[in-house]
C-alpha atoms as a PDB file:
ATOM      1  CA  MET A   1     123.396  42.694  42.469  1.00  0.00           C
ATOM      2  CA  LYS A   2     119.736  42.868  43.497  1.00  0.00           C
ATOM      3  CA  LYS A   3     120.547  45.685  45.906  1.00  0.00           C
ATOM      4  CA  VAL A   4     122.313  47.657  43.147  1.00  0.00           C
ATOM      5  CA  THR A   5     119.404  47.122  40.761  1.00  0.00           C
ATOM      6  CA  SER A   6     116.880  48.273  43.357  1.00  0.00           C
ATOM      7  CA  THR A   7     118.954  51.361  44.086  1.00  0.00           C
ATOM      8  CA  VAL A   8     119.178  52.209  40.379  1.00  0.00           C
ATOM      9  CA  LEU A   9     115.439  51.757  39.900  1.00  0.00           C
ATOM     10  CA  LEU A  10     114.720  53.932  42.928  1.00  0.00           C
ATOM     11  CA  SER A  11     117.038  56.617  41.588  1.00  0.00           C
ATOM     12  CA  ILE A  12     115.355  56.539  38.189  1.00  0.00           C
ATOM     13  CA  PHE A  13     111.939  56.806  39.840  1.00  0.00           C
ATOM     14  CA  CYS A  14     113.035  59.765  41.920  1.00  0.00           C
ATOM     15  CA  LEU A  15     114.430  61.508  38.840  1.00  0.00           C
ATOM     16  CA  ILE A  16     111.137  60.974  36.975  1.00  0.00           C
ATOM     17  CA  VAL A  17     109.162  62.341  39.900  1.00  0.00           C
ATOM     18  CA  LYS A  18     111.453  65.331  40.147  1.00  0.00           C
ATOM     19  CA  ALA A  19     111.241  65.958  36.385  1.00  0.00           C
ATOM     20  CA  GLN A  20     107.460  65.958  36.588  1.00  0.00           C
ATOM     21  CA  GLY A  21     107.589  68.405  39.481  1.00  0.00           C
ATOM     22  CA  ILE A  22     105.409  66.307  41.771  1.00  0.00           C
ATOM     23  CA  GLN A  23     107.682  65.898  44.776  1.00  0.00           C
ATOM     24  CA  GLU A  24     105.968  66.478  48.105  1.00  0.00           C
ATOM     25  CA  PHE A  25     106.834  69.514  50.219  1.00  0.00           C
ATOM     26  CA  GLU A  26     105.485  71.355  53.220  1.00  0.00           C
ATOM     27  CA  PRO A  27     103.454  74.573  52.797  1.00  0.00           C
ATOM     28  CA  ASN A  28     106.420  76.730  53.826  1.00  0.00           C
ATOM     29  CA  ASP A  29     106.546  80.537  54.002  1.00  0.00           C
ATOM     30  CA  GLU A  30     107.994  80.862  50.499  1.00  0.00           C
ATOM     31  CA  TRP A  31     105.184  78.798  48.943  1.00  0.00           C
ATOM     32  CA  LEU A  32     102.513  80.601  50.950  1.00  0.00           C
ATOM     33  CA  ALA A  33     103.879  83.953  49.803  1.00  0.00           C
ATOM     34  CA  GLN A  34     103.722  82.747  46.201  1.00  0.00           C
ATOM     35  CA  ILE A  35     100.080  81.651  46.563  1.00  0.00           C
ATOM     36  CA  GLU A  36      99.128  84.916  48.250  1.00  0.00           C
ATOM     37  CA  LYS A  37     100.749  86.885  45.416  1.00  0.00           C
ATOM     38  CA  ILE A  38      98.853  85.101  42.618  1.00  0.00           C
ATOM     39  CA  ALA A  39      95.514  84.598  44.398  1.00  0.00           C
ATOM     40  CA  PRO A  40      92.539  86.717  43.225  1.00  0.00           C
ATOM     41  CA  THR A  41      92.331  90.087  44.993  1.00  0.00           C
ATOM     42  CA  GLU A  42      88.534  90.209  45.106  1.00  0.00           C
ATOM     43  CA  PRO A  43      85.564  87.928  44.527  1.00  0.00           C
ATOM     44  CA  THR A  44      83.851  87.764  41.141  1.00  0.00           C
ATOM     45  CA  VAL A  45      80.576  88.723  42.829  1.00  0.00           C
ATOM     46  CA  LYS A  46      80.461  91.211  45.685  1.00  0.00           C
ATOM     47  CA  ASN A  47      78.469  89.836  48.617  1.00  0.00           C
ATOM     48  CA  VAL A  48      77.108  91.247  51.808  1.00  0.00           C
ATOM     49  CA  GLY A  49      78.751  89.801  54.907  1.00  0.00           C
ATOM     50  CA  LYS A  50      81.253  87.000  55.153  1.00  0.00           C
ATOM     51  CA  LYS A  51      80.059  83.438  54.614  1.00  0.00           C
ATOM     52  CA  ARG A  52      81.117  80.813  57.142  1.00  0.00           C
ATOM     53  CA  ILE A  53      82.833  77.810  55.560  1.00  0.00           C
ATOM     54  CA  LEU A  54      83.644  74.480  57.214  1.00  0.00           C
ATOM     55  CA  VAL A  55      86.718  72.887  55.648  1.00  0.00           C
ATOM     56  CA  PHE A  56      86.527  69.280  56.791  1.00  0.00           C
ATOM     57  CA  SER A  57      90.043  67.872  56.490  1.00  0.00           C
ATOM     58  CA  LYS A  58      90.185  64.535  58.336  1.00  0.00           C
ATOM     59  CA  ALA A  59      91.199  61.591  56.175  1.00  0.00           C
ATOM     60  CA  THR A  60      90.620  58.170  57.727  1.00  0.00           C
ATOM     61  CA  GLY A  61      91.920  56.312  54.675  1.00  0.00           C
ATOM     62  CA  PHE A  62      94.399  57.425  52.030  1.00  0.00           C
ATOM     63  CA  TYR A  63      96.103  60.635  53.109  1.00  0.00           C
ATOM     64  CA  HIS A  64      96.604  63.260  50.392  1.00  0.00           C
ATOM     65  CA  TRP A  65      99.699  65.321  51.158  1.00  0.00           C
ATOM     66  CA  THR A  66      97.931  68.423  49.760  1.00  0.00           C
ATOM     67  CA  ILE A  67      95.401  68.593  52.615  1.00  0.00           C
ATOM     68  CA  PRO A  68      97.363  71.278  54.543  1.00  0.00           C
ATOM     69  CA  HIS A  69      98.146  73.134  51.305  1.00  0.00           C
ATOM     70  CA  ASN A  70      94.439  73.295  50.466  1.00  0.00           C
ATOM     71  CA  ILE A  71      93.675  74.643  53.923  1.00  0.00           C
ATOM     72  CA  GLU A  72      96.226  77.433  53.556  1.00  0.00           C
ATOM     73  CA  MET A  73      95.108  78.154  50.006  1.00  0.00           C
ATOM     74  CA  LEU A  74      91.483  78.511  51.119  1.00  0.00           C
ATOM     75  CA  LYS A  75      92.520  80.772  53.990  1.00  0.00           C
ATOM     76  CA  ILE A  76      94.356  83.020  51.531  1.00  0.00           C
ATOM     77  CA  LEU A  77      91.362  83.133  49.174  1.00  0.00           C
ATOM     78  CA  ALA A  78      89.129  84.051  52.124  1.00  0.00           C
ATOM     79  CA  LYS A  79      91.469  86.759  53.377  1.00  0.00           C
ATOM     80  CA  LYS A  80      92.062  88.406  50.011  1.00  0.00           C
ATOM     81  CA  SER A  81      88.464  88.219  48.841  1.00  0.00           C
ATOM     82  CA  LYS A  82      87.096  89.277  52.234  1.00  0.00           C
ATOM     83  CA  ALA A  83      84.089  87.105  51.384  1.00  0.00           C
ATOM     84  CA  PHE A  84      84.566  84.089  53.672  1.00  0.00           C
ATOM     85  CA  GLU A  85      85.508  82.862  57.133  1.00  0.00           C
ATOM     86  CA  ILE A  86      87.370  79.551  57.079  1.00  0.00           C
ATOM     87  CA  HIS A  87      86.815  77.090  59.941  1.00  0.00           C
ATOM     88  CA  VAL A  88      88.763  73.820  59.804  1.00  0.00           C
ATOM     89  CA  GLY A  89      87.184  70.686  61.254  1.00  0.00           C
ATOM     90  CA  TYR A  90      88.370  67.136  61.925  1.00  0.00           C
ATOM     91  CA  ASP A  91      85.826  65.351  64.141  1.00  0.00           C
ATOM     92  CA  ILE A  92      82.431  63.698  63.744  1.00  0.00           C
ATOM     93  CA  GLN A  93      80.655  66.335  65.830  1.00  0.00           C
ATOM     94  CA  LYS A  94      80.928  68.732  62.888  1.00  0.00           C
ATOM     95  CA  PHE A  95      78.225  66.674  61.181  1.00  0.00           C
ATOM     96  CA  GLU A  96      75.665  67.080  63.931  1.00  0.00           C
ATOM     97  CA  LYS A  97      72.601  68.946  62.704  1.00  0.00           C
ATOM     98  CA  LYS A  98      73.185  71.853  65.074  1.00  0.00           C
ATOM     99  CA  SER A  99      76.823  72.196  64.026  1.00  0.00           C
ATOM    100  CA  LEU A 100      76.102  72.118  60.286  1.00  0.00           C
ATOM    101  CA  LYS A 101      73.616  74.985  60.695  1.00  0.00           C
ATOM    102  CA  GLU A 102      76.515  77.218  61.680  1.00  0.00           C
ATOM    103  CA  TYR A 103      77.990  77.122  58.159  1.00  0.00           C
ATOM    104  CA  ASP A 104      76.963  78.426  54.755  1.00  0.00           C
ATOM    105  CA  ALA A 105      78.953  75.707  53.016  1.00  0.00           C
ATOM    106  CA  VAL A 106      81.094  72.639  53.708  1.00  0.00           C
ATOM    107  CA  ILE A 107      84.278  71.826  51.831  1.00  0.00           C
ATOM    108  CA  PHE A 108      85.338  68.177  51.764  1.00  0.00           C
ATOM    109  CA  ASN A 109      89.126  68.576  51.655  1.00  0.00           C
ATOM    110  CA  ASN A 110      90.433  65.181  50.510  1.00  0.00           C
ATOM    111  CA  CYS A 111      88.789  63.556  53.524  1.00  0.00           C
ATOM    112  CA  ASN A 112      89.139  60.065  52.084  1.00  0.00           C
ATOM    113  CA  PRO A 113      87.663  57.162  54.110  1.00  0.00           C
ATOM    114  CA  SER A 114      89.225  53.757  54.401  1.00  0.00           C
ATOM    115  CA  GLY A 115      88.381  50.820  52.133  1.00  0.00           C
ATOM    116  CA  PRO A 116      86.615  48.726  51.249  1.00  0.00           C
ATOM    117  CA  ASP A 117      83.569  50.271  52.979  1.00  0.00           C
ATOM    118  CA  ARG A 118      84.555  53.859  52.179  1.00  0.00           C
ATOM    119  CA  ASP A 119      82.219  55.276  54.763  1.00  0.00           C
ATOM    120  CA  LEU A 120      83.741  58.398  56.314  1.00  0.00           C
ATOM    121  CA  PHE A 121      81.113  58.719  59.023  1.00  0.00           C
ATOM    122  CA  ALA A 122      81.545  55.136  60.206  1.00  0.00           C
ATOM    123  CA  ASP A 123      85.331  55.635  60.243  1.00  0.00           C
ATOM    124  CA  LEU A 124      85.035  58.817  62.315  1.00  0.00           C
ATOM    125  CA  LEU A 125      82.770  57.049  64.804  1.00  0.00           C
ATOM    126  CA  ARG A 126      85.326  54.257  65.160  1.00  0.00           C
ATOM    127  CA  GLN A 127      88.072  56.790  65.870  1.00  0.00           C
ATOM    128  CA  ASN A 128      86.084  59.141  68.106  1.00  0.00           C
ATOM    129  CA  THR A 129      83.748  56.919  70.082  1.00  0.00           C
ATOM    130  CA  SER A 130      83.615  53.637  71.980  1.00  0.00           C
ATOM    131  CA  LEU A 131      80.543  52.424  70.103  1.00  0.00           C
ATOM    132  CA  SER A 132      80.345  48.787  69.046  1.00  0.00           C
ATOM    133  CA  ASP A 133      80.445  47.856  65.354  1.00  0.00           C
ATOM    134  CA  THR A 134      76.689  47.241  65.460  1.00  0.00           C
ATOM    135  CA  GLU A 135      76.049  50.640  67.010  1.00  0.00           C
ATOM    136  CA  ILE A 136      78.293  52.312  64.443  1.00  0.00           C
ATOM    137  CA  LYS A 137      76.466  50.552  61.610  1.00  0.00           C
ATOM    138  CA  ASN A 138      73.210  52.012  62.898  1.00  0.00           C
ATOM    139  CA  LYS A 139      74.598  55.465  63.781  1.00  0.00           C
ATOM    140  CA  ALA A 140      76.694  56.297  60.702  1.00  0.00           C
ATOM    141  CA  PRO A 141      73.666  56.624  58.356  1.00  0.00           C
ATOM    142  CA  GLU A 142      72.355  59.381  60.636  1.00  0.00           C
ATOM    143  CA  TYR A 143      75.398  61.542  59.849  1.00  0.00           C
ATOM    144  CA  GLU A 144      75.096  60.802  56.143  1.00  0.00           C
ATOM    145  CA  ALA A 145      71.442  61.900  56.333  1.00  0.00           C
ATOM    146  CA  ASN A 146      72.445  65.042  58.261  1.00  0.00           C
ATOM    147  CA  MET A 147      74.864  66.011  55.494  1.00  0.00           C
ATOM    148  CA  MET A 148      72.419  65.286  52.700  1.00  0.00           C
ATOM    149  CA  ASN A 149      69.591  67.169  54.408  1.00  0.00           C
ATOM    150  CA  TYR A 150      71.935  70.079  55.047  1.00  0.00           C
ATOM    151  CA  VAL A 151      72.578  70.460  51.312  1.00  0.00           C
ATOM    152  CA  LYS A 152      68.975  69.725  50.344  1.00  0.00           C
ATOM    153  CA  LYS A 153      67.803  72.563  52.567  1.00  0.00           C
ATOM    154  CA  GLY A 154      70.181  75.085  51.002  1.00  0.00           C
ATOM    155  CA  GLY A 155      73.716  74.418  52.275  1.00  0.00           C
ATOM    156  CA  GLY A 156      76.643  74.439  49.878  1.00  0.00           C
ATOM    157  CA  LEU A 157      79.049  71.574  49.282  1.00  0.00           C
ATOM    158  CA  MET A 158      82.468  71.851  47.605  1.00  0.00           C
ATOM    159  CA  ILE A 159      84.336  68.589  47.034  1.00  0.00           C
ATOM    160  CA  LEU A 160      88.074  68.601  46.377  1.00  0.00           C
ATOM    161  CA  HIS A 161      89.747  65.756  44.490  1.00  0.00           C
ATOM    162  CA  GLY A 162      89.726  62.495  46.485  1.00  0.00           C
ATOM    163  CA  ALA A 163      86.880  63.532  48.766  1.00  0.00           C
ATOM    164  CA  ILE A 164      84.458  62.255  46.112  1.00  0.00           C
ATOM    165  CA  THR A 165      84.984  58.939  47.934  1.00  0.00           C
ATOM    166  CA  VAL A 166      83.465  60.184  51.220  1.00  0.00           C
ATOM    167  CA  GLN A 167      80.457  57.824  50.957  1.00  0.00           C
ATOM    168  CA  ASN A 168      81.615  56.017  47.860  1.00  0.00           C
ATOM    169  CA  ASN A 169      79.305  53.001  48.152  1.00  0.00           C
ATOM    170  CA  SER A 170      76.163  54.993  48.903  1.00  0.00           C
ATOM    171  CA  LEU A 171      74.113  55.445  45.754  1.00  0.00           C
ATOM    172  CA  GLU A 172      71.971  58.184  47.335  1.00  0.00           C
ATOM    173  CA  PHE A 173      75.072  60.131  48.370  1.00  0.00           C
ATOM    174  CA  SER A 174      76.445  59.604  44.867  1.00  0.00           C
ATOM    175  CA  LYS A 175      73.276  61.157  43.443  1.00  0.00           C
ATOM    176  CA  MET A 176      73.914  64.215  45.585  1.00  0.00           C
ATOM    177  CA  THR A 177      77.595  64.581  44.687  1.00  0.00           C
ATOM    178  CA  GLY A 178      77.212  63.661  41.015  1.00  0.00           C
ATOM    179  CA  GLY A 179      79.174  60.436  41.066  1.00  0.00           C
ATOM    180  CA  SER A 180      81.447  58.074  42.943  1.00  0.00           C
ATOM    181  CA  PHE A 181      85.137  57.303  42.459  1.00  0.00           C
ATOM    182  CA  ASP A 182      85.997  54.295  40.278  1.00  0.00           C
ATOM    183  CA  TYR A 183      89.755  54.386  39.675  1.00  0.00           C
ATOM    184  CA  HIS A 184      92.552  56.492  38.273  1.00  0.00           C
ATOM    185  CA  PRO A 185      95.450  55.728  35.933  1.00  0.00           C
ATOM    186  CA  LYS A 186      98.967  56.793  36.854  1.00  0.00           C
ATOM    187  CA  GLN A 187      99.794  60.425  37.438  1.00  0.00           C
ATOM    188  CA  GLN A 188     100.576  62.158  34.191  1.00  0.00           C
ATOM    189  CA  GLU A 189     100.479  65.469  32.390  1.00  0.00           C
ATOM    190  CA  MET A 190      97.020  66.159  31.056  1.00  0.00           C
ATOM    191  CA  HIS A 191      95.157  68.984  29.389  1.00  0.00           C
ATOM    192  CA  LEU A 192      91.862  69.895  31.031  1.00  0.00           C
ATOM    193  CA  LYS A 193      89.459  71.578  28.649  1.00  0.00           C
ATOM    194  CA  GLU A 194      86.387  73.704  29.270  1.00  0.00           C
ATOM    195  CA  VAL A 195      83.042  72.213  28.263  1.00  0.00           C
ATOM    196  CA  ASP A 196      81.767  75.730  27.639  1.00  0.00           C
ATOM    197  CA  ALA A 197      84.456  78.424  27.698  1.00  0.00           C
ATOM    198  CA  ASN A 198      81.786  81.080  28.251  1.00  0.00           C
ATOM    199  CA  HIS A 199      80.417  79.539  31.424  1.00  0.00           C
ATOM    200  CA  PRO A 200      81.062  81.861  34.398  1.00  0.00           C
ATOM    201  CA  LEU A 201      82.676  79.096  36.442  1.00  0.00           C
ATOM    202  CA  VAL A 202      85.467  78.475  33.908  1.00  0.00           C
ATOM    203  CA  ARG A 203      86.150  81.956  32.581  1.00  0.00           C
ATOM    204  CA  ALA A 204      89.355  81.972  34.623  1.00  0.00           C
ATOM    205  CA  PHE A 205      90.916  79.595  32.089  1.00  0.00           C
ATOM    206  CA  LYS A 206      90.306  82.046  29.190  1.00  0.00           C
ATOM    207  CA  GLY A 207      89.419  79.270  26.752  1.00  0.00           C
ATOM    208  CA  LYS A 208      92.840  77.640  27.127  1.00  0.00           C
ATOM    209  CA  GLY A 209      91.983  75.069  29.825  1.00  0.00           C
ATOM    210  CA  LEU A 210      94.690  73.897  32.220  1.00  0.00           C
ATOM    211  CA  THR A 211      97.684  71.664  31.638  1.00  0.00           C
ATOM    212  CA  HIS A 212      99.125  70.076  34.751  1.00  0.00           C
ATOM    213  CA  ILE A 213     100.244  66.787  36.294  1.00  0.00           C
ATOM    214  CA  ASP A 214      97.471  64.994  38.091  1.00  0.00           C
ATOM    215  CA  GLU A 215      95.592  61.736  38.559  1.00  0.00           C
ATOM    216  CA  PRO A 216      92.948  61.323  35.814  1.00  0.00           C
ATOM    217  CA  TYR A 217      89.888  60.296  37.788  1.00  0.00           C
ATOM    218  CA  PHE A 218      87.190  57.999  36.423  1.00  0.00           C
ATOM    219  CA  PHE A 219      83.801  57.691  38.084  1.00  0.00           C
ATOM    220  CA  LYS A 220      80.888  55.319  38.590  1.00  0.00           C
ATOM    221  CA  ASN A 221      77.391  55.104  40.132  1.00  0.00           C
ATOM    222  CA  ALA A 222      75.415  58.346  39.644  1.00  0.00           C
ATOM    223  CA  TYR A 223      78.061  59.815  37.331  1.00  0.00           C
ATOM    224  CA  PHE A 224      76.463  58.121  34.339  1.00  0.00           C
ATOM    225  CA  ASP A 225      73.143  59.811  35.030  1.00  0.00           C
ATOM    226  CA  TYR A 226      74.911  63.032  33.974  1.00  0.00           C
ATOM    227  CA  ASN A 227      72.654  64.902  36.362  1.00  0.00           C
ATOM    228  CA  PHE A 228      75.094  67.800  36.528  1.00  0.00           C
ATOM    229  CA  ARG A 229      76.441  70.728  34.523  1.00  0.00           C
ATOM    230  CA  PRO A 230      79.998  69.686  33.502  1.00  0.00           C
ATOM    231  CA  LEU A 231      82.752  72.284  33.616  1.00  0.00           C
ATOM    232  CA  LEU A 232      86.030  70.543  32.707  1.00  0.00           C
ATOM    233  CA  TYR A 233      86.871  67.365  30.837  1.00  0.00           C
ATOM    234  CA  ILE A 234      89.790  65.265  29.636  1.00  0.00           C
ATOM    235  CA  GLU A 235      89.985  63.184  26.477  1.00  0.00           C
ATOM    236  CA  VAL A 236      90.454  59.526  27.334  1.00  0.00           C
ATOM    237  CA  ASP A 237      92.420  58.718  24.162  1.00  0.00           C
ATOM    238  CA  GLN A 238      95.057  61.244  25.264  1.00  0.00           C
ATOM    239  CA  LEU A 239      95.718  59.404  28.524  1.00  0.00           C
ATOM    240  CA  GLU A 240      98.138  56.586  29.386  1.00  0.00           C
ATOM    241  CA  ASP A 241      97.376  53.567  31.546  1.00  0.00           C
ATOM    242  CA  VAL A 242      93.596  53.576  30.968  1.00  0.00           C
ATOM    243  CA  ARG A 243      92.470  50.213  32.364  1.00  0.00           C
ATOM    244  CA  LYS A 244      88.825  50.048  31.271  1.00  0.00           C
ATOM    245  CA  ALA A 245      87.178  50.527  27.914  1.00  0.00           C
ATOM    246  CA  VAL A 246      84.978  53.604  27.725  1.00  0.00           C
ATOM    247  CA  SER A 247      81.959  54.372  25.598  1.00  0.00           C
ATOM    248  CA  ASN A 248      82.570  58.115  25.752  1.00  0.00           C
ATOM    249  CA  ASN A 249      85.984  59.647  25.013  1.00  0.00           C
ATOM    250  CA  ILE A 250      84.957  62.682  27.050  1.00  0.00           C
ATOM    251  CA  ASN A 251      85.558  62.165  30.764  1.00  0.00           C
ATOM    252  CA  TYR A 252      84.283  64.998  32.975  1.00  0.00           C
ATOM    253  CA  VAL A 253      86.485  65.898  35.913  1.00  0.00           C
ATOM    254  CA  SER A 254      84.645  68.878  37.331  1.00  0.00           C
ATOM    255  CA  TRP A 255      80.978  69.826  37.544  1.00  0.00           C
ATOM    256  CA  ILE A 256      78.287  71.711  39.424  1.00  0.00           C
ATOM    257  CA  LYS A 257      74.761  70.634  40.291  1.00  0.00           C
ATOM    258  CA  ARG A 258      71.735  71.444  42.380  1.00  0.00           C
ATOM    259  CA  TYR A 259      70.546  69.158  45.125  1.00  0.00           C
ATOM    260  CA  GLY A 260      67.264  70.365  46.547  1.00  0.00           C
ATOM    261  CA  LYS A 261      67.836  73.988  47.471  1.00  0.00           C
ATOM    262  CA  GLY A 262      71.590  73.492  47.807  1.00  0.00           C
ATOM    263  CA  ARG A 263      74.501  73.596  45.373  1.00  0.00           C
ATOM    264  CA  VAL A 264      77.372  71.170  44.821  1.00  0.00           C
ATOM    265  CA  PHE A 265      80.743  71.841  43.149  1.00  0.00           C
ATOM    266  CA  TYR A 266      83.196  69.045  42.411  1.00  0.00           C
ATOM    267  CA  SER A 267      86.773  69.474  41.212  1.00  0.00           C
ATOM    268  CA  SER A 268      89.025  66.516  40.569  1.00  0.00           C
ATOM    269  CA  PRO A 269      92.001  68.858  40.166  1.00  0.00           C
ATOM    270  CA  SER A 270      94.223  68.554  41.960  1.00  0.00           C
ATOM    271  CA  HIS A 271      96.283  65.847  43.581  1.00  0.00           C
ATOM    272  CA  ASN A 272      99.449  67.937  43.735  1.00  0.00           C
ATOM    273  CA  ALA A 273     100.071  71.246  45.438  1.00  0.00           C
ATOM    274  CA  GLN A 274     102.097  72.389  42.421  1.00  0.00           C
ATOM    275  CA  SER A 275      98.820  72.740  40.522  1.00  0.00           C
ATOM    276  CA  LEU A 276      97.779  75.439  43.005  1.00  0.00           C
ATOM    277  CA  GLU A 277     100.562  77.592  41.632  1.00  0.00           C
ATOM    278  CA  ASN A 278      98.302  78.299  38.627  1.00  0.00           C
ATOM    279  CA  PRO A 279      96.371  81.541  39.280  1.00  0.00           C
ATOM    280  CA  GLU A 280      93.593  80.291  36.972  1.00  0.00           C
ATOM    281  CA  LEU A 281      92.961  77.327  39.244  1.00  0.00           C
ATOM    282  CA  LEU A 282      92.799  79.576  42.317  1.00  0.00           C
ATOM    283  CA  GLN A 283      90.230  81.769  40.577  1.00  0.00           C
ATOM    284  CA  PHE A 284      88.302  78.618  39.614  1.00  0.00           C
ATOM    285  CA  PHE A 285      88.179  77.508  43.245  1.00  0.00           C
ATOM    286  CA  LEU A 286      87.102  80.959  44.428  1.00  0.00           C
ATOM    287  CA  ASP A 287      84.324  81.075  41.826  1.00  0.00           C
ATOM    288  CA  GLY A 288      83.267  77.546  42.778  1.00  0.00           C
ATOM    289  CA  LEU A 289      83.059  78.572  46.393  1.00  0.00           C
ATOM    290  CA  GLN A 290      80.979  81.602  45.475  1.00  0.00           C
ATOM    291  CA  TYR A 291      78.683  79.317  43.524  1.00  0.00           C
ATOM    292  CA  VAL A 292      78.026  76.888  46.390  1.00  0.00           C
ATOM    293  CA  VAL A 293      77.149  79.687  48.828  1.00  0.00           C
ATOM    294  CA  GLY A 294      74.740  81.188  46.288  1.00  0.00           C
ATOM    295  CA  ASP A 295      76.632  84.387  45.464  1.00  0.00           C
ATOM    296  CA  LEU A 296      77.508  83.434  41.878  1.00  0.00           C
ATOM    297  CA  GLU A 297      74.453  82.580  39.809  1.00  0.00           C
ATOM    298  CA  CYS A 298      74.997  80.545  36.659  1.00  0.00           C
ATOM    299  CA  ASP A 299      73.578  77.776  34.539  1.00  0.00           C
ATOM    300  CA  ASP A 300      73.692  74.620  36.657  1.00  0.00           C
ATOM    301  CA  SER A 301      71.041  72.675  34.748  1.00  0.00           C
ATOM    302  CA  PRO A 302      71.958  69.028  34.115  1.00  0.00           C
ATOM    303  CA  ILE A 303      73.074  67.995  30.653  1.00  0.00           C
ATOM    304  CA  THR A 304      70.486  65.217  30.714  1.00  0.00           C
ATOM    305  CA  GLN A 305      67.732  67.795  30.202  1.00  0.00           C
END
């Protein structure tokens, strides 16, 4: 009886997942052709010379199945726009000072670290070196400093979805990124809305926002400083499974900000590769990438001012 019940429950769950269109799949030729067809044909801002982009894609904790999809999507955006060179990285050496200088921007592609420390650099050292725990504890902050100094001196940083957790317990890193991950309710259909439909970074949505199935992210640490220019938000009272009371019904899920001479773009969308099948979202990512490399100038003043 228990076996039958379990089988029925599993079948129901699979039907729900299928109905929501969130089943996992590989980035096959058919899907790649679809993304290439709907991707923007040229950048919003013409630039001189291709910008070199590091897409860091090594997750040491939770693995998002969209990591390879994002890589292929970014390659397509680079090829069609002719504005970027995409270089994919997986090892700790990419965060050496000399290596970072080779790139105009870094994309954190769902490179989630393990818990509870949530320290990507310490995790990478454990996986790539024979250093002791004490040596790793002393060495990991050097890589965090390398990354922060890289942005402060003018490098770009684009953070996709779960990668907001890269140094989740570091308040200084949170101040650079605009916030740290707190939790998310269950996956559900949600309507993302533009904070300012006339802002250049969200014009792709044409004032209609984006409705898709995703994880509604909530944030902590530096998020509540609101030291960023928000782009997209969700209304908390329209969500299911919210586990904590909020003082603000508006929950921002994408923003841009300055950090020293550098620029940061964060997008919580999206957890699922199906969301990439929206041409508006592809344009949004391309514009965000142009922002972090300095091609697309726009208002990035924090709302706290």
